[in-house]
Amino acid sequence: RIPTLLQTPAAVRFVSYEPALGPVDF
């Protein structure tokens, strides 16, 4: 999902890592 978010025109792009069910390396 994050690469697609980064291709989305937006003033602010953010990630909600919730519920955290496993580790995530940004």
PDB file of all heavy atoms in Angstrom:
ATOM      1  N   ARG A   1       0.787  -1.237   0.000  1.00  0.00           N
ATOM      2  CA  ARG A   1       0.000   0.000   0.000  1.00  0.00           C
ATOM      3  C   ARG A   1       0.819   1.286   0.000  1.00  0.00           C
ATOM      4  O   ARG A   1       0.400   2.291  -0.587  1.00  0.00           O
ATOM      5  CB  ARG A   1      -0.944  -0.005   1.220  1.00  0.00           C
ATOM      6  CG  ARG A   1      -1.964  -1.138   1.168  1.00  0.00           C
ATOM      7  CD  ARG A   1      -2.702  -1.312   2.485  1.00  0.00           C
ATOM      8  NE  ARG A   1      -3.538  -2.516   2.448  1.00  0.00           N
ATOM      9  CZ  ARG A   1      -4.071  -3.089   3.523  1.00  0.00           C
ATOM     10  NH1 ARG A   1      -3.858  -2.573   4.722  1.00  0.00           N
ATOM     11  NH2 ARG A   1      -4.807  -4.188   3.399  1.00  0.00           N
ATOM     12  N   ILE A   2       1.964   1.283   0.660  1.00  0.00           N
ATOM     13  CA  ILE A   2       2.712   2.539   0.783  1.00  0.00           C
ATOM     14  C   ILE A   2       3.231   3.056  -0.563  1.00  0.00           C
ATOM     15  O   ILE A   2       3.125   4.261  -0.853  1.00  0.00           O
ATOM     16  CB  ILE A   2       3.851   2.395   1.810  1.00  0.00           C
ATOM     17  CG1 ILE A   2       3.252   2.210   3.208  1.00  0.00           C
ATOM     18  CG2 ILE A   2       4.753   3.629   1.790  1.00  0.00           C
ATOM     19  CD1 ILE A   2       4.285   1.971   4.300  1.00  0.00           C
ATOM     20  N   PRO A   3       3.796   2.223  -1.445  1.00  0.00           N
ATOM     21  CA  PRO A   3       4.239   2.761  -2.732  1.00  0.00           C
ATOM     22  C   PRO A   3       3.110   3.426  -3.516  1.00  0.00           C
ATOM     23  O   PRO A   3       3.324   4.448  -4.180  1.00  0.00           O
ATOM     24  CB  PRO A   3       4.768   1.517  -3.458  1.00  0.00           C
ATOM     25  CG  PRO A   3       5.193   0.597  -2.366  1.00  0.00           C
ATOM     26  CD  PRO A   3       4.166   0.800  -1.283  1.00  0.00           C
ATOM     27  N   THR A   4       1.902   2.863  -3.443  1.00  0.00           N
ATOM     28  CA  THR A   4       0.763   3.470  -4.127  1.00  0.00           C
ATOM     29  C   THR A   4       0.401   4.795  -3.478  1.00  0.00           C
ATOM     30  O   THR A   4       0.080   5.780  -4.168  1.00  0.00           O
ATOM     31  CB  THR A   4      -0.450   2.519  -4.096  1.00  0.00           C
ATOM     32  OG1 THR A   4      -0.067   1.266  -4.673  1.00  0.00           O
ATOM     33  CG2 THR A   4      -1.611   3.095  -4.885  1.00  0.00           C
ATOM     34  N   LEU A   5       0.453   4.854  -2.158  1.00  0.00           N
ATOM     35  CA  LEU A   5       0.203   6.123  -1.457  1.00  0.00           C
ATOM     36  C   LEU A   5       1.168   7.199  -1.929  1.00  0.00           C
ATOM     37  O   LEU A   5       0.773   8.346  -2.175  1.00  0.00           O
ATOM     38  CB  LEU A   5       0.353   5.910   0.047  1.00  0.00           C
ATOM     39  CG  LEU A   5       0.368   7.186   0.902  1.00  0.00           C
ATOM     40  CD1 LEU A   5      -1.002   7.849   0.900  1.00  0.00           C
ATOM     41  CD2 LEU A   5       0.816   6.878   2.335  1.00  0.00           C
ATOM     42  N   LEU A   6       2.435   6.836  -2.075  1.00  0.00           N
ATOM     43  CA  LEU A   6       3.446   7.821  -2.458  1.00  0.00           C
ATOM     44  C   LEU A   6       3.271   8.313  -3.888  1.00  0.00           C
ATOM     45  O   LEU A   6       3.845   9.335  -4.270  1.00  0.00           O
ATOM     46  CB  LEU A   6       4.839   7.226  -2.265  1.00  0.00           C
ATOM     47  CG  LEU A   6       5.199   6.890  -0.807  1.00  0.00           C
ATOM     48  CD1 LEU A   6       6.552   6.213  -0.725  1.00  0.00           C
ATOM     49  CD2 LEU A   6       5.170   8.142   0.054  1.00  0.00           C
ATOM     50  N   GLN A   7       2.477   7.596  -4.685  1.00  0.00           N
ATOM     51  CA  GLN A   7       2.158   8.042  -6.043  1.00  0.00           C
ATOM     52  C   GLN A   7       0.865   8.867  -6.082  1.00  0.00           C
ATOM     53  O   GLN A   7       0.444   9.298  -7.154  1.00  0.00           O
ATOM     54  CB  GLN A   7       2.004   6.816  -6.949  1.00  0.00           C
ATOM     55  CG  GLN A   7       3.265   5.992  -7.096  1.00  0.00           C
ATOM     56  CD  GLN A   7       3.010   4.647  -7.767  1.00  0.00           C
ATOM     57  OE1 GLN A   7       1.934   4.412  -8.313  1.00  0.00           O
ATOM     58  NE2 GLN A   7       3.985   3.761  -7.722  1.00  0.00           N
ATOM     59  N   THR A   8       0.252   9.078  -4.939  1.00  0.00           N
ATOM     60  CA  THR A   8      -1.022   9.784  -4.853  1.00  0.00           C
ATOM     61  C   THR A   8      -0.797  11.269  -4.612  1.00  0.00           C
ATOM     62  O   THR A   8      -0.113  11.646  -3.652  1.00  0.00           O
ATOM     63  CB  THR A   8      -1.866   9.210  -3.697  1.00  0.00           C
ATOM     64  OG1 THR A   8      -2.057   7.811  -3.896  1.00  0.00           O
ATOM     65  CG2 THR A   8      -3.216   9.897  -3.619  1.00  0.00           C
ATOM     66  N   PRO A   9      -1.344  12.143  -5.458  1.00  0.00           N
ATOM     67  CA  PRO A   9      -1.215  13.583  -5.212  1.00  0.00           C
ATOM     68  C   PRO A   9      -1.907  13.958  -3.898  1.00  0.00           C
ATOM     69  O   PRO A   9      -3.089  13.689  -3.711  1.00  0.00           O
ATOM     70  CB  PRO A   9      -1.944  14.218  -6.407  1.00  0.00           C
ATOM     71  CG  PRO A   9      -1.979  13.157  -7.453  1.00  0.00           C
ATOM     72  CD  PRO A   9      -2.091  11.861  -6.699  1.00  0.00           C
ATOM     73  N   ALA A  10      -1.147  14.541  -2.966  1.00  0.00           N
ATOM     74  CA  ALA A  10      -1.712  14.898  -1.666  1.00  0.00           C
ATOM     75  C   ALA A  10      -0.814  15.900  -0.969  1.00  0.00           C
ATOM     76  O   ALA A  10       0.404  15.894  -1.149  1.00  0.00           O
ATOM     77  CB  ALA A  10      -1.882  13.657  -0.797  1.00  0.00           C
ATOM     78  N   ALA A  11      -1.415  16.764  -0.162  1.00  0.00           N
ATOM     79  CA  ALA A  11      -0.638  17.720   0.617  1.00  0.00           C
ATOM     80  C   ALA A  11       0.141  17.014   1.714  1.00  0.00           C
ATOM     81  O   ALA A  11       1.273  17.366   2.029  1.00  0.00           O
ATOM     82  CB  ALA A  11      -1.568  18.771   1.225  1.00  0.00           C
ATOM     83  N   VAL A  12      -0.474  16.005   2.314  1.00  0.00           N
ATOM     84  CA  VAL A  12       0.151  15.205   3.372  1.00  0.00           C
ATOM     85  C   VAL A  12      -0.131  13.742   3.083  1.00  0.00           C
ATOM     86  O   VAL A  12      -1.269  13.357   2.804  1.00  0.00           O
ATOM     87  CB  VAL A  12      -0.412  15.588   4.762  1.00  0.00           C
ATOM     88  CG1 VAL A  12      -0.002  14.565   5.812  1.00  0.00           C
ATOM     89  CG2 VAL A  12       0.048  16.982   5.170  1.00  0.00           C
ATOM     90  N   ARG A  13       0.915  12.925   3.137  1.00  0.00           N
ATOM     91  CA  ARG A  13       0.772  11.472   2.969  1.00  0.00           C
ATOM     92  C   ARG A  13       1.229  10.810   4.276  1.00  0.00           C
ATOM     93  O   ARG A  13       2.332  11.088   4.752  1.00  0.00           O
ATOM     94  CB  ARG A  13       1.613  10.956   1.809  1.00  0.00           C
ATOM     95  CG  ARG A  13       1.277  11.579   0.447  1.00  0.00           C
ATOM     96  CD  ARG A  13       2.156  10.987  -0.633  1.00  0.00           C
ATOM     97  NE  ARG A  13       2.005  11.667  -1.893  1.00  0.00           N
ATOM     98  CZ  ARG A  13       2.695  12.744  -2.274  1.00  0.00           C
ATOM     99  NH1 ARG A  13       3.609  13.250  -1.444  1.00  0.00           N
ATOM    100  NH2 ARG A  13       2.489  13.306  -3.446  1.00  0.00           N
ATOM    101  N   PHE A  14       0.389   9.947   4.805  1.00  0.00           N
ATOM    102  CA  PHE A  14       0.727   9.350   6.093  1.00  0.00           C
ATOM    103  C   PHE A  14       0.353   7.882   6.117  1.00  0.00           C
ATOM    104  O   PHE A  14      -0.392   7.384   5.269  1.00  0.00           O
ATOM    105  CB  PHE A  14       0.031  10.101   7.233  1.00  0.00           C
ATOM    106  CG  PHE A  14      -1.454   9.838   7.330  1.00  0.00           C
ATOM    107  CD1 PHE A  14      -1.956   8.896   8.219  1.00  0.00           C
ATOM    108  CD2 PHE A  14      -2.348  10.544   6.546  1.00  0.00           C
ATOM    109  CE1 PHE A  14      -3.322   8.648   8.306  1.00  0.00           C
ATOM    110  CE2 PHE A  14      -3.719  10.314   6.631  1.00  0.00           C
ATOM    111  CZ  PHE A  14      -4.202   9.362   7.517  1.00  0.00           C
ATOM    112  N   VAL A  15       0.879   7.177   7.130  1.00  0.00           N
ATOM    113  CA  VAL A  15       0.588   5.763   7.333  1.00  0.00           C
ATOM    114  C   VAL A  15       0.062   5.569   8.749  1.00  0.00           C
ATOM    115  O   VAL A  15       0.631   6.092   9.717  1.00  0.00           O
ATOM    116  CB  VAL A  15       1.844   4.898   7.127  1.00  0.00           C
ATOM    117  CG1 VAL A  15       1.603   3.463   7.603  1.00  0.00           C
ATOM    118  CG2 VAL A  15       2.244   4.892   5.652  1.00  0.00           C
ATOM    119  N   SER A  16      -1.024   4.819   8.859  1.00  0.00           N
ATOM    120  CA  SER A  16      -1.527   4.385  10.158  1.00  0.00           C
ATOM    121  C   SER A  16      -1.150   2.920  10.336  1.00  0.00           C
ATOM    122  O   SER A  16      -1.729   2.040   9.698  1.00  0.00           O
ATOM    123  CB  SER A  16      -3.051   4.561  10.241  1.00  0.00           C
ATOM    124  OG  SER A  16      -3.536   4.066  11.470  1.00  0.00           O
ATOM    125  N   TYR A  17      -0.167   2.677  11.152  1.00  0.00           N
ATOM    126  CA  TYR A  17       0.324   1.327  11.439  1.00  0.00           C
ATOM    127  C   TYR A  17      -0.456   0.826  12.660  1.00  0.00           C
ATOM    128  O   TYR A  17       0.025   0.846  13.786  1.00  0.00           O
ATOM    129  CB  TYR A  17       1.824   1.426  11.682  1.00  0.00           C
ATOM    130  CG  TYR A  17       2.542   0.191  12.161  1.00  0.00           C
ATOM    131  CD1 TYR A  17       2.205  -1.092  11.739  1.00  0.00           C
ATOM    132  CD2 TYR A  17       3.632   0.332  13.035  1.00  0.00           C
ATOM    133  CE1 TYR A  17       2.905  -2.205  12.184  1.00  0.00           C
ATOM    134  CE2 TYR A  17       4.346  -0.765  13.477  1.00  0.00           C
ATOM    135  CZ  TYR A  17       3.968  -2.033  13.054  1.00  0.00           C
ATOM    136  OH  TYR A  17       4.671  -3.132  13.494  1.00  0.00           O
ATOM    137  N   GLU A  18      -1.693   0.435  12.386  1.00  0.00           N
ATOM    138  CA  GLU A  18      -2.616   0.048  13.454  1.00  0.00           C
ATOM    139  C   GLU A  18      -3.755  -0.794  12.880  1.00  0.00           C
ATOM    140  O   GLU A  18      -4.336  -0.393  11.862  1.00  0.00           O
ATOM    141  CB  GLU A  18      -3.176   1.294  14.138  1.00  0.00           C
ATOM    142  CG  GLU A  18      -4.123   1.002  15.269  1.00  0.00           C
ATOM    143  CD  GLU A  18      -5.005   2.170  15.650  1.00  0.00           C
ATOM    144  OE1 GLU A  18      -4.925   3.216  14.978  1.00  0.00           O
ATOM    145  OE2 GLU A  18      -5.788   2.020  16.597  1.00  0.00           O
ATOM    146  N   PRO A  19      -4.073  -1.933  13.484  1.00  0.00           N
ATOM    147  CA  PRO A  19      -3.341  -2.537  14.600  1.00  0.00           C
ATOM    148  C   PRO A  19      -2.014  -3.128  14.132  1.00  0.00           C
ATOM    149  O   PRO A  19      -1.944  -3.741  13.067  1.00  0.00           O
ATOM    150  CB  PRO A  19      -4.286  -3.649  15.063  1.00  0.00           C
ATOM    151  CG  PRO A  19      -5.008  -4.065  13.821  1.00  0.00           C
ATOM    152  CD  PRO A  19      -5.205  -2.793  13.051  1.00  0.00           C
ATOM    153  N   ALA A  20      -0.988  -2.915  14.922  1.00  0.00           N
ATOM    154  CA  ALA A  20       0.328  -3.470  14.591  1.00  0.00           C
ATOM    155  C   ALA A  20       0.310  -4.960  14.896  1.00  0.00           C
ATOM    156  O   ALA A  20       0.233  -5.363  16.056  1.00  0.00           O
ATOM    157  CB  ALA A  20       1.413  -2.760  15.396  1.00  0.00           C
ATOM    158  N   LEU A  21       0.392  -5.773  13.848  1.00  0.00           N
ATOM    159  CA  LEU A  21       0.346  -7.232  14.000  1.00  0.00           C
ATOM    160  C   LEU A  21       1.660  -7.897  13.623  1.00  0.00           C
ATOM    161  O   LEU A  21       1.789  -9.124  13.728  1.00  0.00           O
ATOM    162  CB  LEU A  21      -0.786  -7.811  13.144  1.00  0.00           C
ATOM    163  CG  LEU A  21      -2.198  -7.276  13.424  1.00  0.00           C
ATOM    164  CD1 LEU A  21      -3.202  -7.941  12.501  1.00  0.00           C
ATOM    165  CD2 LEU A  21      -2.576  -7.495  14.886  1.00  0.00           C
ATOM    166  N   GLY A  22       2.607  -7.129  13.165  1.00  0.00           N
ATOM    167  CA  GLY A  22       3.917  -7.651  12.792  1.00  0.00           C
ATOM    168  C   GLY A  22       4.858  -6.479  12.597  1.00  0.00           C
ATOM    169  O   GLY A  22       4.429  -5.330  12.473  1.00  0.00           O
ATOM    170  N   PRO A  23       6.158  -6.717  12.573  1.00  0.00           N
ATOM    171  CA  PRO A  23       7.119  -5.615  12.404  1.00  0.00           C
ATOM    172  C   PRO A  23       7.014  -4.999  11.013  1.00  0.00           C
ATOM    173  O   PRO A  23       6.669  -5.668  10.045  1.00  0.00           O
ATOM    174  CB  PRO A  23       8.470  -6.304  12.613  1.00  0.00           C
ATOM    175  CG  PRO A  23       8.221  -7.732  12.230  1.00  0.00           C
ATOM    176  CD  PRO A  23       6.815  -8.035  12.659  1.00  0.00           C
ATOM    177  N   VAL A  24       7.298  -3.703  10.934  1.00  0.00           N
ATOM    178  CA  VAL A  24       7.318  -2.987   9.659  1.00  0.00           C
ATOM    179  C   VAL A  24       8.592  -2.169   9.580  1.00  0.00           C
ATOM    180  O   VAL A  24       8.930  -1.430  10.507  1.00  0.00           O
ATOM    181  CB  VAL A  24       6.091  -2.060   9.499  1.00  0.00           C
ATOM    182  CG1 VAL A  24       6.264  -1.176   8.264  1.00  0.00           C
ATOM    183  CG2 VAL A  24       4.807  -2.868   9.387  1.00  0.00           C
ATOM    184  N   ASP A  25       9.297  -2.335   8.476  1.00  0.00           N
ATOM    185  CA  ASP A  25      10.503  -1.548   8.205  1.00  0.00           C
ATOM    186  C   ASP A  25      10.142  -0.519   7.148  1.00  0.00           C
ATOM    187  O   ASP A  25       9.874  -0.864   5.997  1.00  0.00           O
ATOM    188  CB  ASP A  25      11.625  -2.465   7.717  1.00  0.00           C
ATOM    189  CG  ASP A  25      12.901  -1.701   7.416  1.00  0.00           C
ATOM    190  OD1 ASP A  25      13.039  -0.563   7.918  1.00  0.00           O
ATOM    191  OD2 ASP A  25      13.745  -2.217   6.674  1.00  0.00           O
ATOM    192  N   PHE A  26      10.079   0.742   7.550  1.00  0.00           N
ATOM    193  CA  PHE A  26       9.781   1.802   6.598  1.00  0.00           C
ATOM    194  C   PHE A  26      11.054   2.124   5.834  1.00  0.00           C
ATOM    195  O   PHE A  26      12.061   2.550   6.410  1.00  0.00           O
ATOM    196  CB  PHE A  26       9.258   3.046   7.326  1.00  0.00           C
ATOM    197  CG  PHE A  26       7.889   2.853   7.912  1.00  0.00           C
ATOM    198  CD1 PHE A  26       7.731   2.414   9.213  1.00  0.00           C
ATOM    199  CD2 PHE A  26       6.760   3.102   7.150  1.00  0.00           C
ATOM    200  CE1 PHE A  26       6.468   2.229   9.757  1.00  0.00           C
ATOM    201  CE2 PHE A  26       5.494   2.917   7.676  1.00  0.00           C
ATOM    202  CZ  PHE A  26       5.345   2.479   8.981  1.00  0.00           C
TER     203      PHE A  26
END
